[in-house]
Amino acid sequence: MKIDRATTALLVIDMQRDFLDARGYAAQAGLDIDMLRGAIPGVARILAAARQAGITIVHTREANAPDLSDVPPAFLEATERTGARVGSPGPLGRLLIRGEHGSGIVDELAPAPDEIVIDKPGFSAFEGTPLGAILFARGIRSLLICGITTEVCVSSTLRTAIDRGFRCTTLRDACASAYPDLHEASMRIIEVEGGVFGRVACVDEAVTALGES
């Protein structure tokens, strides 16, 4: 595995309190947050290596407008069925709403002042955000992708990135799902047909490659 520091960015997807804190959205929706928190050590390792290497780092947050005007209708309906409707009150503030405590990145992975933070209204980090323009303006052509959840926001972001011409590596042990079978299936799908959605790697491989680049 080789990494060009000048043209590679680390994309950290949705490592927020709303998904990783027992008082947040995911727990209220009935998801196993211990499974989701399994991504934290891997994300912490690749984040530290990316900072050491000086590559571009982007954090995303799934966070909607307070008036819910940007919430995809299908998602709003789905959250109603789980009993954790977007915008409803919770111990960390309104669920999945920009500016609320729950929408923030967990302390263990808090963005540094020079790192980019993108609030996204949907599942893909590219839809309804300036992410694509920011990456192209910086000359970024390759992405290391990690975060949660594997089968939803990570996969949605990955597919959009591939369609937009980025070369992508998804870090298996820095992603997580509340459903282990879906995590594994998502990893297998990436590499079908010779790697139609890029490649899968472990954090150790990426850390080594960053150190050698």
N, C-alpha and C. Protein backbone atom coordinates (compact mmCIF):
# COMPACT_ATOMS: atom_id res chain seq x y z
N MET A 1 0.85 -1.20 0.00
CA MET A 1 0.00 0.00 0.00
C MET A 1 0.88 1.24 0.00
N LYS A 2 0.61 2.17 -0.93
CA LYS A 2 1.37 3.41 -1.02
C LYS A 2 0.42 4.59 -0.88
N ILE A 3 0.88 5.62 -0.20
CA ILE A 3 0.08 6.82 0.02
C ILE A 3 0.88 8.05 -0.37
N ASP A 4 0.28 8.89 -1.20
CA ASP A 4 0.85 10.18 -1.55
C ASP A 4 0.26 11.21 -0.59
N ARG A 5 1.07 11.72 0.31
CA ARG A 5 0.55 12.63 1.34
C ARG A 5 -0.10 13.87 0.74
N ALA A 6 0.43 14.34 -0.37
CA ALA A 6 -0.07 15.59 -0.95
C ALA A 6 -1.46 15.46 -1.54
N THR A 7 -1.82 14.25 -1.96
CA THR A 7 -3.10 14.08 -2.66
C THR A 7 -4.07 13.16 -1.93
N THR A 8 -3.77 12.85 -0.68
CA THR A 8 -4.61 11.94 0.10
C THR A 8 -5.20 12.65 1.30
N ALA A 9 -6.46 12.35 1.59
CA ALA A 9 -7.12 12.88 2.79
C ALA A 9 -7.70 11.73 3.59
N LEU A 10 -7.76 11.93 4.90
CA LEU A 10 -8.46 11.01 5.80
C LEU A 10 -9.85 11.56 6.02
N LEU A 11 -10.86 10.72 5.78
CA LEU A 11 -12.25 11.10 5.97
C LEU A 11 -12.83 10.29 7.13
N VAL A 12 -13.15 10.99 8.22
CA VAL A 12 -13.65 10.36 9.44
C VAL A 12 -15.16 10.62 9.52
N ILE A 13 -15.94 9.54 9.39
CA ILE A 13 -17.38 9.68 9.25
C ILE A 13 -18.12 9.56 10.59
N ASP A 14 -18.76 10.64 11.02
CA ASP A 14 -19.83 10.63 12.02
C ASP A 14 -19.48 10.01 13.38
N MET A 15 -18.29 10.29 13.88
CA MET A 15 -17.92 9.76 15.20
C MET A 15 -18.46 10.71 16.29
N GLN A 16 -19.78 10.76 16.38
CA GLN A 16 -20.48 11.73 17.20
C GLN A 16 -21.06 11.12 18.48
N ARG A 17 -21.33 11.99 19.43
CA ARG A 17 -21.98 11.54 20.66
C ARG A 17 -23.35 10.94 20.37
N ASP A 18 -24.06 11.47 19.39
CA ASP A 18 -25.38 10.94 19.09
C ASP A 18 -25.34 9.47 18.68
N PHE A 19 -24.20 9.01 18.20
CA PHE A 19 -24.06 7.61 17.81
C PHE A 19 -23.26 6.78 18.82
N LEU A 20 -22.44 7.44 19.61
CA LEU A 20 -21.47 6.71 20.45
C LEU A 20 -21.68 6.87 21.95
N ASP A 21 -22.58 7.72 22.35
CA ASP A 21 -22.88 7.95 23.76
C ASP A 21 -24.17 7.22 24.11
N ALA A 22 -24.22 6.63 25.27
CA ALA A 22 -25.40 5.87 25.70
C ALA A 22 -26.64 6.74 25.85
N ARG A 23 -26.46 8.06 25.83
CA ARG A 23 -27.60 8.98 25.96
C ARG A 23 -28.04 9.56 24.63
N GLY A 24 -27.41 9.12 23.52
CA GLY A 24 -27.64 9.73 22.22
C GLY A 24 -28.67 9.03 21.35
N TYR A 25 -28.72 9.47 20.10
CA TYR A 25 -29.71 8.98 19.14
C TYR A 25 -29.65 7.47 18.96
N ALA A 26 -28.46 6.93 18.71
CA ALA A 26 -28.35 5.51 18.38
C ALA A 26 -28.88 4.63 19.49
N ALA A 27 -28.53 4.97 20.73
CA ALA A 27 -29.02 4.18 21.86
C ALA A 27 -30.54 4.27 21.97
N GLN A 28 -31.09 5.47 21.75
CA GLN A 28 -32.54 5.62 21.82
C GLN A 28 -33.24 4.86 20.70
N ALA A 29 -32.53 4.69 19.56
CA ALA A 29 -33.10 3.95 18.44
C ALA A 29 -32.94 2.45 18.60
N GLY A 30 -32.30 2.02 19.69
CA GLY A 30 -32.16 0.60 19.97
C GLY A 30 -30.93 -0.05 19.39
N LEU A 31 -29.96 0.75 18.92
CA LEU A 31 -28.73 0.19 18.36
C LEU A 31 -27.74 -0.15 19.48
N ASP A 32 -26.89 -1.12 19.22
CA ASP A 32 -25.88 -1.54 20.18
C ASP A 32 -24.68 -0.61 20.06
N ILE A 33 -24.60 0.38 20.95
CA ILE A 33 -23.52 1.35 20.81
C ILE A 33 -22.16 0.77 21.19
N ASP A 34 -22.14 -0.31 21.94
CA ASP A 34 -20.85 -0.95 22.21
C ASP A 34 -20.22 -1.45 20.91
N MET A 35 -21.05 -1.96 20.00
CA MET A 35 -20.54 -2.36 18.69
C MET A 35 -20.02 -1.16 17.93
N LEU A 36 -20.75 -0.07 17.97
CA LEU A 36 -20.32 1.14 17.26
C LEU A 36 -19.04 1.71 17.86
N ARG A 37 -18.94 1.68 19.16
CA ARG A 37 -17.74 2.22 19.83
C ARG A 37 -16.50 1.38 19.52
N GLY A 38 -16.71 0.19 18.98
CA GLY A 38 -15.57 -0.63 18.58
C GLY A 38 -14.70 0.02 17.52
N ALA A 39 -15.23 1.03 16.83
CA ALA A 39 -14.43 1.73 15.81
C ALA A 39 -13.47 2.74 16.42
N ILE A 40 -13.71 3.15 17.65
CA ILE A 40 -12.94 4.27 18.23
C ILE A 40 -11.43 3.99 18.26
N PRO A 41 -10.96 2.84 18.74
CA PRO A 41 -9.50 2.64 18.78
C PRO A 41 -8.84 2.73 17.41
N GLY A 42 -9.46 2.12 16.41
CA GLY A 42 -8.89 2.17 15.07
C GLY A 42 -8.89 3.57 14.50
N VAL A 43 -9.99 4.29 14.71
CA VAL A 43 -10.04 5.68 14.23
C VAL A 43 -8.99 6.53 14.94
N ALA A 44 -8.83 6.34 16.23
CA ALA A 44 -7.83 7.10 16.98
C ALA A 44 -6.42 6.86 16.43
N ARG A 45 -6.12 5.61 16.09
CA ARG A 45 -4.79 5.28 15.58
C ARG A 45 -4.53 5.91 14.22
N ILE A 46 -5.50 5.80 13.31
CA ILE A 46 -5.27 6.37 11.97
C ILE A 46 -5.30 7.89 12.02
N LEU A 47 -6.09 8.44 12.93
CA LEU A 47 -6.12 9.90 13.09
C LEU A 47 -4.77 10.41 13.57
N ALA A 48 -4.18 9.73 14.54
CA ALA A 48 -2.86 10.14 15.04
C ALA A 48 -1.81 10.03 13.94
N ALA A 49 -1.86 8.96 13.15
CA ALA A 49 -0.88 8.78 12.07
C ALA A 49 -1.07 9.83 10.99
N ALA A 50 -2.32 10.15 10.67
CA ALA A 50 -2.59 11.17 9.65
C ALA A 50 -2.11 12.54 10.10
N ARG A 51 -2.29 12.84 11.39
CA ARG A 51 -1.79 14.11 11.91
C ARG A 51 -0.27 14.16 11.85
N GLN A 52 0.36 13.06 12.21
CA GLN A 52 1.82 13.01 12.16
C GLN A 52 2.32 13.20 10.74
N ALA A 53 1.60 12.62 9.77
CA ALA A 53 2.01 12.71 8.37
C ALA A 53 1.65 14.05 7.73
N GLY A 54 0.77 14.79 8.36
CA GLY A 54 0.40 16.11 7.85
C GLY A 54 -0.56 16.09 6.68
N ILE A 55 -1.34 15.01 6.53
CA ILE A 55 -2.30 14.98 5.43
C ILE A 55 -3.59 15.69 5.82
N THR A 56 -4.38 16.02 4.81
CA THR A 56 -5.68 16.64 5.04
C THR A 56 -6.59 15.70 5.82
N ILE A 57 -7.27 16.24 6.83
CA ILE A 57 -8.19 15.46 7.65
C ILE A 57 -9.56 16.13 7.64
N VAL A 58 -10.59 15.33 7.36
CA VAL A 58 -11.96 15.84 7.35
C VAL A 58 -12.81 14.99 8.29
N HIS A 59 -13.54 15.65 9.17
CA HIS A 59 -14.51 14.99 10.04
C HIS A 59 -15.91 15.35 9.55
N THR A 60 -16.82 14.37 9.52
CA THR A 60 -18.20 14.69 9.20
C THR A 60 -19.09 14.46 10.40
N ARG A 61 -20.21 15.18 10.40
CA ARG A 61 -21.23 15.01 11.43
C ARG A 61 -22.58 14.94 10.73
N GLU A 62 -23.35 13.91 11.05
CA GLU A 62 -24.73 13.87 10.55
C GLU A 62 -25.55 14.76 11.46
N ALA A 63 -25.88 15.95 10.96
CA ALA A 63 -26.53 16.95 11.80
C ALA A 63 -27.43 17.81 10.92
N ASN A 64 -28.67 17.92 11.33
CA ASN A 64 -29.68 18.58 10.52
C ASN A 64 -30.05 19.96 11.03
N ALA A 65 -30.73 20.71 10.18
CA ALA A 65 -31.19 22.04 10.55
C ALA A 65 -32.23 21.95 11.67
N PRO A 66 -32.24 22.93 12.57
CA PRO A 66 -33.21 22.89 13.67
C PRO A 66 -34.66 22.82 13.24
N ASP A 67 -34.98 23.37 12.05
CA ASP A 67 -36.37 23.31 11.58
C ASP A 67 -36.67 22.05 10.77
N LEU A 68 -35.68 21.14 10.67
CA LEU A 68 -35.82 19.84 10.00
C LEU A 68 -36.02 19.96 8.49
N SER A 69 -35.75 21.13 7.94
CA SER A 69 -36.02 21.36 6.52
C SER A 69 -35.12 20.55 5.60
N ASP A 70 -33.98 20.07 6.11
CA ASP A 70 -33.06 19.32 5.26
C ASP A 70 -33.04 17.83 5.57
N VAL A 71 -33.96 17.35 6.39
CA VAL A 71 -33.98 15.93 6.73
C VAL A 71 -34.65 15.15 5.59
N PRO A 72 -33.97 14.16 5.02
CA PRO A 72 -34.63 13.35 3.99
C PRO A 72 -35.91 12.72 4.54
N PRO A 73 -37.03 12.86 3.83
CA PRO A 73 -38.30 12.36 4.37
C PRO A 73 -38.28 10.89 4.77
N ALA A 74 -37.63 10.05 3.97
CA ALA A 74 -37.59 8.62 4.30
C ALA A 74 -36.88 8.38 5.62
N PHE A 75 -35.82 9.16 5.87
CA PHE A 75 -35.09 9.00 7.13
C PHE A 75 -35.92 9.50 8.30
N LEU A 76 -36.61 10.62 8.11
CA LEU A 76 -37.46 11.14 9.18
C LEU A 76 -38.52 10.11 9.57
N GLU A 77 -39.11 9.50 8.56
CA GLU A 77 -40.13 8.49 8.83
C GLU A 77 -39.54 7.26 9.52
N ALA A 78 -38.34 6.87 9.10
CA ALA A 78 -37.69 5.71 9.72
C ALA A 78 -37.38 5.98 11.19
N THR A 79 -36.92 7.19 11.49
CA THR A 79 -36.59 7.49 12.89
C THR A 79 -37.85 7.56 13.75
N GLU A 80 -38.96 7.95 13.16
CA GLU A 80 -40.22 7.93 13.90
C GLU A 80 -40.58 6.50 14.29
N ARG A 81 -40.33 5.57 13.38
CA ARG A 81 -40.67 4.17 13.67
C ARG A 81 -39.79 3.58 14.77
N THR A 82 -38.55 4.08 14.90
CA THR A 82 -37.66 3.55 15.94
C THR A 82 -37.91 4.19 17.30
N GLY A 83 -38.70 5.26 17.32
CA GLY A 83 -38.94 5.97 18.57
C GLY A 83 -37.88 6.99 18.91
N ALA A 84 -37.02 7.30 17.93
CA ALA A 84 -35.96 8.30 18.14
C ALA A 84 -36.00 9.30 16.98
N ARG A 85 -37.12 9.98 16.85
CA ARG A 85 -37.35 10.89 15.72
C ARG A 85 -36.31 12.01 15.70
N VAL A 86 -35.78 12.29 14.52
CA VAL A 86 -34.85 13.41 14.37
C VAL A 86 -35.50 14.67 14.93
N GLY A 87 -34.74 15.40 15.76
CA GLY A 87 -35.24 16.64 16.32
C GLY A 87 -35.94 16.50 17.65
N SER A 88 -36.24 15.27 18.07
CA SER A 88 -36.92 15.11 19.36
C SER A 88 -35.91 15.35 20.49
N PRO A 89 -36.39 15.75 21.66
CA PRO A 89 -35.48 16.06 22.76
C PRO A 89 -34.84 14.81 23.35
N GLY A 90 -33.60 14.97 23.81
CA GLY A 90 -32.89 13.88 24.45
C GLY A 90 -31.93 14.44 25.48
N PRO A 91 -31.26 13.58 26.23
CA PRO A 91 -30.32 14.04 27.27
C PRO A 91 -29.16 14.88 26.72
N LEU A 92 -28.82 14.69 25.43
CA LEU A 92 -27.72 15.45 24.82
C LEU A 92 -28.22 16.58 23.93
N GLY A 93 -29.51 16.91 24.09
CA GLY A 93 -30.12 17.92 23.24
C GLY A 93 -30.97 17.26 22.17
N ARG A 94 -31.50 18.04 21.26
CA ARG A 94 -32.34 17.49 20.19
C ARG A 94 -31.53 16.53 19.32
N LEU A 95 -32.13 15.40 18.99
CA LEU A 95 -31.41 14.34 18.30
C LEU A 95 -31.02 14.73 16.87
N LEU A 96 -29.73 14.58 16.58
CA LEU A 96 -29.18 14.79 15.24
C LEU A 96 -29.42 16.20 14.70
N ILE A 97 -29.34 17.18 15.58
CA ILE A 97 -29.54 18.58 15.19
C ILE A 97 -28.24 19.35 15.36
N ARG A 98 -27.90 20.14 14.34
CA ARG A 98 -26.68 20.94 14.38
C ARG A 98 -26.65 21.85 15.60
N GLY A 99 -25.49 21.91 16.23
CA GLY A 99 -25.30 22.78 17.37
C GLY A 99 -25.64 22.16 18.71
N GLU A 100 -26.33 21.02 18.70
CA GLU A 100 -26.65 20.35 19.96
C GLU A 100 -25.43 19.56 20.44
N HIS A 101 -25.37 19.31 21.73
CA HIS A 101 -24.21 18.61 22.29
C HIS A 101 -24.04 17.23 21.66
N GLY A 102 -25.13 16.56 21.39
CA GLY A 102 -25.06 15.23 20.81
C GLY A 102 -24.47 15.19 19.42
N SER A 103 -24.55 16.30 18.69
CA SER A 103 -24.03 16.30 17.32
C SER A 103 -22.51 16.42 17.27
N GLY A 104 -21.89 16.73 18.40
CA GLY A 104 -20.45 16.92 18.43
C GLY A 104 -19.67 15.61 18.36
N ILE A 105 -18.43 15.71 17.90
CA ILE A 105 -17.53 14.56 17.85
C ILE A 105 -17.14 14.17 19.28
N VAL A 106 -17.03 12.87 19.53
CA VAL A 106 -16.64 12.43 20.88
C VAL A 106 -15.27 12.98 21.25
N ASP A 107 -15.07 13.18 22.55
CA ASP A 107 -13.85 13.83 23.03
C ASP A 107 -12.59 13.11 22.59
N GLU A 108 -12.63 11.77 22.55
CA GLU A 108 -11.44 11.00 22.20
C GLU A 108 -10.93 11.29 20.79
N LEU A 109 -11.82 11.78 19.94
CA LEU A 109 -11.48 11.99 18.53
C LEU A 109 -11.72 13.43 18.11
N ALA A 110 -11.73 14.33 19.07
CA ALA A 110 -12.07 15.73 18.79
C ALA A 110 -11.18 16.31 17.69
N PRO A 111 -11.77 17.01 16.72
CA PRO A 111 -10.98 17.61 15.64
C PRO A 111 -10.00 18.65 16.16
N ALA A 112 -8.83 18.68 15.55
CA ALA A 112 -7.86 19.73 15.84
C ALA A 112 -8.32 21.02 15.15
N PRO A 113 -7.82 22.17 15.59
CA PRO A 113 -8.28 23.44 15.02
C PRO A 113 -8.11 23.56 13.51
N ASP A 114 -7.09 22.91 12.96
CA ASP A 114 -6.83 23.04 11.52
C ASP A 114 -7.52 21.96 10.69
N GLU A 115 -8.33 21.12 11.31
CA GLU A 115 -9.01 20.06 10.58
C GLU A 115 -10.41 20.50 10.14
N ILE A 116 -10.83 19.98 9.01
CA ILE A 116 -12.10 20.38 8.41
C ILE A 116 -13.24 19.59 9.06
N VAL A 117 -14.33 20.29 9.37
CA VAL A 117 -15.52 19.65 9.92
C VAL A 117 -16.70 19.98 9.00
N ILE A 118 -17.39 18.95 8.53
CA ILE A 118 -18.50 19.10 7.61
C ILE A 118 -19.77 18.57 8.25
N ASP A 119 -20.81 19.40 8.31
CA ASP A 119 -22.13 18.93 8.73
C ASP A 119 -22.88 18.49 7.49
N LYS A 120 -23.43 17.28 7.54
CA LYS A 120 -24.14 16.75 6.37
C LYS A 120 -25.59 16.43 6.75
N PRO A 121 -26.53 16.72 5.86
CA PRO A 121 -27.93 16.48 6.18
C PRO A 121 -28.39 15.05 5.89
N GLY A 122 -27.61 14.31 5.12
CA GLY A 122 -27.99 12.96 4.73
C GLY A 122 -26.90 11.96 5.03
N PHE A 123 -26.90 10.88 4.28
CA PHE A 123 -25.98 9.79 4.54
C PHE A 123 -24.62 9.99 3.88
N SER A 124 -24.60 10.48 2.64
CA SER A 124 -23.33 10.72 1.96
C SER A 124 -22.76 12.07 2.38
N ALA A 125 -21.46 12.08 2.66
CA ALA A 125 -20.81 13.33 3.07
C ALA A 125 -20.68 14.33 1.92
N PHE A 126 -20.97 13.89 0.69
CA PHE A 126 -20.86 14.78 -0.47
C PHE A 126 -22.17 15.48 -0.81
N GLU A 127 -23.29 14.88 -0.43
CA GLU A 127 -24.58 15.42 -0.83
C GLU A 127 -24.99 16.59 0.07
N GLY A 128 -25.23 17.74 -0.55
CA GLY A 128 -25.67 18.91 0.20
C GLY A 128 -24.58 19.56 1.03
N THR A 129 -23.31 19.28 0.69
CA THR A 129 -22.18 19.84 1.43
C THR A 129 -21.11 20.33 0.45
N PRO A 130 -20.15 21.15 0.92
CA PRO A 130 -19.06 21.60 0.05
C PRO A 130 -17.87 20.65 0.01
N LEU A 131 -18.03 19.42 0.52
CA LEU A 131 -16.89 18.52 0.66
C LEU A 131 -16.16 18.30 -0.66
N GLY A 132 -16.88 17.99 -1.72
CA GLY A 132 -16.21 17.74 -3.00
C GLY A 132 -15.38 18.92 -3.46
N ALA A 133 -15.93 20.11 -3.38
CA ALA A 133 -15.21 21.31 -3.81
C ALA A 133 -13.97 21.55 -2.95
N ILE A 134 -14.10 21.31 -1.65
CA ILE A 134 -12.96 21.50 -0.74
C ILE A 134 -11.82 20.55 -1.10
N LEU A 135 -12.16 19.28 -1.32
CA LEU A 135 -11.13 18.28 -1.63
C LEU A 135 -10.45 18.58 -2.96
N PHE A 136 -11.23 18.90 -3.99
CA PHE A 136 -10.62 19.18 -5.29
C PHE A 136 -9.76 20.44 -5.23
N ALA A 137 -10.19 21.45 -4.47
CA ALA A 137 -9.40 22.68 -4.35
C ALA A 137 -8.05 22.42 -3.70
N ARG A 138 -7.98 21.40 -2.85
CA ARG A 138 -6.73 21.04 -2.18
C ARG A 138 -5.91 20.03 -2.97
N GLY A 139 -6.41 19.64 -4.14
CA GLY A 139 -5.69 18.67 -4.94
C GLY A 139 -5.81 17.24 -4.46
N ILE A 140 -6.83 16.97 -3.65
CA ILE A 140 -7.02 15.62 -3.11
C ILE A 140 -7.65 14.72 -4.17
N ARG A 141 -7.05 13.55 -4.34
CA ARG A 141 -7.56 12.58 -5.31
C ARG A 141 -7.78 11.20 -4.70
N SER A 142 -7.27 10.98 -3.49
CA SER A 142 -7.40 9.68 -2.83
C SER A 142 -7.92 9.88 -1.42
N LEU A 143 -8.76 8.94 -0.96
CA LEU A 143 -9.35 9.03 0.36
C LEU A 143 -9.10 7.77 1.17
N LEU A 144 -8.76 7.96 2.44
CA LEU A 144 -8.80 6.90 3.45
C LEU A 144 -10.10 7.14 4.22
N ILE A 145 -10.98 6.15 4.24
CA ILE A 145 -12.30 6.34 4.82
C ILE A 145 -12.48 5.45 6.04
N CYS A 146 -13.00 6.05 7.12
CA CYS A 146 -13.29 5.30 8.34
C CYS A 146 -14.49 5.93 9.03
N GLY A 147 -15.03 5.23 10.04
CA GLY A 147 -16.12 5.80 10.82
C GLY A 147 -17.32 4.88 10.89
N ILE A 148 -18.49 5.51 11.10
CA ILE A 148 -19.72 4.73 11.32
C ILE A 148 -20.88 5.40 10.59
N THR A 149 -21.93 4.61 10.33
CA THR A 149 -21.94 3.17 10.38
C THR A 149 -21.53 2.61 9.03
N THR A 150 -20.94 1.43 9.05
CA THR A 150 -20.37 0.87 7.84
C THR A 150 -21.37 0.80 6.70
N GLU A 151 -22.55 0.28 6.99
CA GLU A 151 -23.51 0.00 5.92
C GLU A 151 -24.35 1.20 5.51
N VAL A 152 -24.27 2.29 6.28
CA VAL A 152 -25.08 3.45 5.94
C VAL A 152 -24.19 4.61 5.48
N CYS A 153 -23.71 5.42 6.40
CA CYS A 153 -23.00 6.63 6.00
C CYS A 153 -21.62 6.37 5.40
N VAL A 154 -20.92 5.35 5.89
CA VAL A 154 -19.62 5.03 5.30
C VAL A 154 -19.81 4.55 3.87
N SER A 155 -20.71 3.61 3.67
CA SER A 155 -20.94 3.08 2.33
C SER A 155 -21.50 4.13 1.38
N SER A 156 -22.43 4.96 1.87
CA SER A 156 -23.00 6.00 1.01
C SER A 156 -21.93 7.01 0.57
N THR A 157 -21.09 7.40 1.50
CA THR A 157 -20.01 8.33 1.19
C THR A 157 -19.01 7.71 0.22
N LEU A 158 -18.65 6.46 0.47
CA LEU A 158 -17.72 5.76 -0.41
C LEU A 158 -18.24 5.71 -1.84
N ARG A 159 -19.47 5.34 -2.02
CA ARG A 159 -20.00 5.19 -3.38
C ARG A 159 -20.05 6.53 -4.11
N THR A 160 -20.42 7.58 -3.39
CA THR A 160 -20.42 8.90 -4.01
C THR A 160 -19.01 9.33 -4.37
N ALA A 161 -18.06 9.05 -3.50
CA ALA A 161 -16.66 9.41 -3.76
C ALA A 161 -16.14 8.71 -5.01
N ILE A 162 -16.45 7.42 -5.15
CA ILE A 162 -16.03 6.68 -6.34
C ILE A 162 -16.64 7.30 -7.59
N ASP A 163 -17.91 7.63 -7.54
CA ASP A 163 -18.59 8.23 -8.69
C ASP A 163 -17.98 9.59 -9.05
N ARG A 164 -17.41 10.28 -8.06
CA ARG A 164 -16.82 11.59 -8.30
C ARG A 164 -15.34 11.51 -8.67
N GLY A 165 -14.82 10.31 -8.80
CA GLY A 165 -13.47 10.15 -9.31
C GLY A 165 -12.37 9.98 -8.29
N PHE A 166 -12.73 9.82 -7.02
CA PHE A 166 -11.70 9.61 -5.99
C PHE A 166 -11.31 8.14 -5.93
N ARG A 167 -10.04 7.90 -5.64
CA ARG A 167 -9.58 6.55 -5.32
C ARG A 167 -9.74 6.36 -3.82
N CYS A 168 -10.37 5.27 -3.43
CA CYS A 168 -10.76 5.12 -2.03
C CYS A 168 -10.23 3.83 -1.40
N THR A 169 -9.79 3.97 -0.16
CA THR A 169 -9.44 2.83 0.68
C THR A 169 -10.26 2.92 1.95
N THR A 170 -11.05 1.88 2.22
CA THR A 170 -11.86 1.83 3.43
C THR A 170 -11.13 1.01 4.48
N LEU A 171 -11.02 1.55 5.68
CA LEU A 171 -10.25 0.91 6.74
C LEU A 171 -11.17 0.02 7.59
N ARG A 172 -11.04 -1.26 7.37
CA ARG A 172 -11.95 -2.26 7.96
C ARG A 172 -12.07 -2.13 9.47
N ASP A 173 -10.95 -2.02 10.17
CA ASP A 173 -10.98 -2.02 11.63
C ASP A 173 -11.09 -0.62 12.24
N ALA A 174 -11.42 0.35 11.39
CA ALA A 174 -11.73 1.68 11.88
C ALA A 174 -13.14 2.07 11.44
N CYS A 175 -13.94 1.06 11.09
CA CYS A 175 -15.35 1.23 10.79
C CYS A 175 -16.13 0.28 11.70
N ALA A 176 -17.41 0.58 11.87
CA ALA A 176 -18.22 -0.31 12.72
C ALA A 176 -19.69 -0.18 12.37
N SER A 177 -20.41 -1.23 12.71
CA SER A 177 -21.86 -1.30 12.55
C SER A 177 -22.43 -1.94 13.80
N ALA A 178 -23.70 -1.67 14.06
CA ALA A 178 -24.38 -2.39 15.13
C ALA A 178 -24.72 -3.81 14.71
N TYR A 179 -24.50 -4.10 13.43
CA TYR A 179 -24.82 -5.41 12.86
C TYR A 179 -23.57 -5.99 12.22
N PRO A 180 -22.85 -6.88 12.90
CA PRO A 180 -21.59 -7.41 12.37
C PRO A 180 -21.71 -8.04 10.99
N ASP A 181 -22.83 -8.68 10.70
CA ASP A 181 -22.99 -9.30 9.39
C ASP A 181 -23.05 -8.26 8.28
N LEU A 182 -23.67 -7.12 8.56
CA LEU A 182 -23.72 -6.06 7.56
C LEU A 182 -22.36 -5.39 7.38
N HIS A 183 -21.60 -5.28 8.46
CA HIS A 183 -20.23 -4.76 8.35
C HIS A 183 -19.41 -5.64 7.42
N GLU A 184 -19.45 -6.94 7.66
CA GLU A 184 -18.66 -7.86 6.84
C GLU A 184 -19.14 -7.87 5.40
N ALA A 185 -20.45 -7.84 5.20
CA ALA A 185 -20.98 -7.81 3.84
C ALA A 185 -20.55 -6.54 3.11
N SER A 186 -20.57 -5.43 3.83
CA SER A 186 -20.15 -4.16 3.22
C SER A 186 -18.69 -4.20 2.79
N MET A 187 -17.84 -4.82 3.60
CA MET A 187 -16.44 -4.94 3.24
C MET A 187 -16.27 -5.83 2.00
N ARG A 188 -17.03 -6.90 1.92
CA ARG A 188 -16.93 -7.79 0.76
C ARG A 188 -17.40 -7.10 -0.52
N ILE A 189 -18.46 -6.32 -0.40
CA ILE A 189 -19.01 -5.63 -1.57
C ILE A 189 -17.99 -4.66 -2.17
N ILE A 190 -17.21 -4.01 -1.34
CA ILE A 190 -16.24 -3.03 -1.84
C ILE A 190 -15.31 -3.64 -2.88
N GLU A 191 -14.90 -4.87 -2.66
CA GLU A 191 -13.86 -5.45 -3.51
C GLU A 191 -14.40 -6.39 -4.59
N VAL A 192 -15.72 -6.40 -4.79
CA VAL A 192 -16.25 -7.23 -5.88
C VAL A 192 -15.81 -6.68 -7.23
N GLU A 193 -15.78 -7.55 -8.22
CA GLU A 193 -15.45 -7.16 -9.60
C GLU A 193 -14.12 -6.42 -9.66
N GLY A 194 -13.14 -6.93 -8.92
CA GLY A 194 -11.81 -6.33 -8.99
C GLY A 194 -11.63 -5.08 -8.18
N GLY A 195 -12.61 -4.78 -7.33
CA GLY A 195 -12.50 -3.58 -6.50
C GLY A 195 -13.27 -2.41 -7.07
N VAL A 196 -14.52 -2.65 -7.42
CA VAL A 196 -15.32 -1.61 -8.06
C VAL A 196 -15.53 -0.40 -7.14
N PHE A 197 -15.48 -0.63 -5.82
CA PHE A 197 -15.60 0.49 -4.88
C PHE A 197 -14.28 0.75 -4.15
N GLY A 198 -13.18 0.44 -4.79
CA GLY A 198 -11.88 0.70 -4.20
C GLY A 198 -11.31 -0.54 -3.52
N ARG A 199 -10.63 -0.32 -2.42
CA ARG A 199 -10.02 -1.44 -1.72
C ARG A 199 -10.28 -1.34 -0.23
N VAL A 200 -10.07 -2.46 0.44
CA VAL A 200 -10.19 -2.53 1.90
C VAL A 200 -8.81 -2.76 2.48
N ALA A 201 -8.49 -2.07 3.57
CA ALA A 201 -7.21 -2.25 4.24
C ALA A 201 -7.43 -2.20 5.75
N CYS A 202 -6.44 -2.65 6.49
CA CYS A 202 -6.44 -2.53 7.94
C CYS A 202 -5.70 -1.27 8.35
N VAL A 203 -5.98 -0.80 9.55
CA VAL A 203 -5.33 0.41 10.05
C VAL A 203 -3.81 0.24 10.06
N ASP A 204 -3.31 -0.93 10.45
CA ASP A 204 -1.86 -1.15 10.48
C ASP A 204 -1.22 -0.86 9.12
N GLU A 205 -1.87 -1.33 8.04
CA GLU A 205 -1.33 -1.08 6.70
C GLU A 205 -1.27 0.40 6.40
N ALA A 206 -2.33 1.12 6.73
CA ALA A 206 -2.37 2.55 6.44
C ALA A 206 -1.37 3.33 7.27
N VAL A 207 -1.23 2.95 8.53
CA VAL A 207 -0.26 3.63 9.40
C VAL A 207 1.16 3.43 8.87
N THR A 208 1.46 2.21 8.47
CA THR A 208 2.78 1.93 7.90
C THR A 208 3.01 2.72 6.63
N ALA A 209 2.00 2.74 5.76
CA ALA A 209 2.14 3.46 4.50
C ALA A 209 2.32 4.96 4.70
N LEU A 210 1.61 5.52 5.68
CA LEU A 210 1.78 6.94 5.97
C LEU A 210 3.18 7.22 6.49
N GLY A 211 3.71 6.31 7.28
CA GLY A 211 5.06 6.49 7.80
C GLY A 211 6.13 6.40 6.74
N GLU A 212 5.84 5.66 5.67
CA GLU A 212 6.81 5.47 4.60
C GLU A 212 6.66 6.48 3.48
N SER A 213 5.58 7.24 3.48
CA SER A 213 5.30 8.14 2.35
C SER A 213 6.15 9.41 2.42
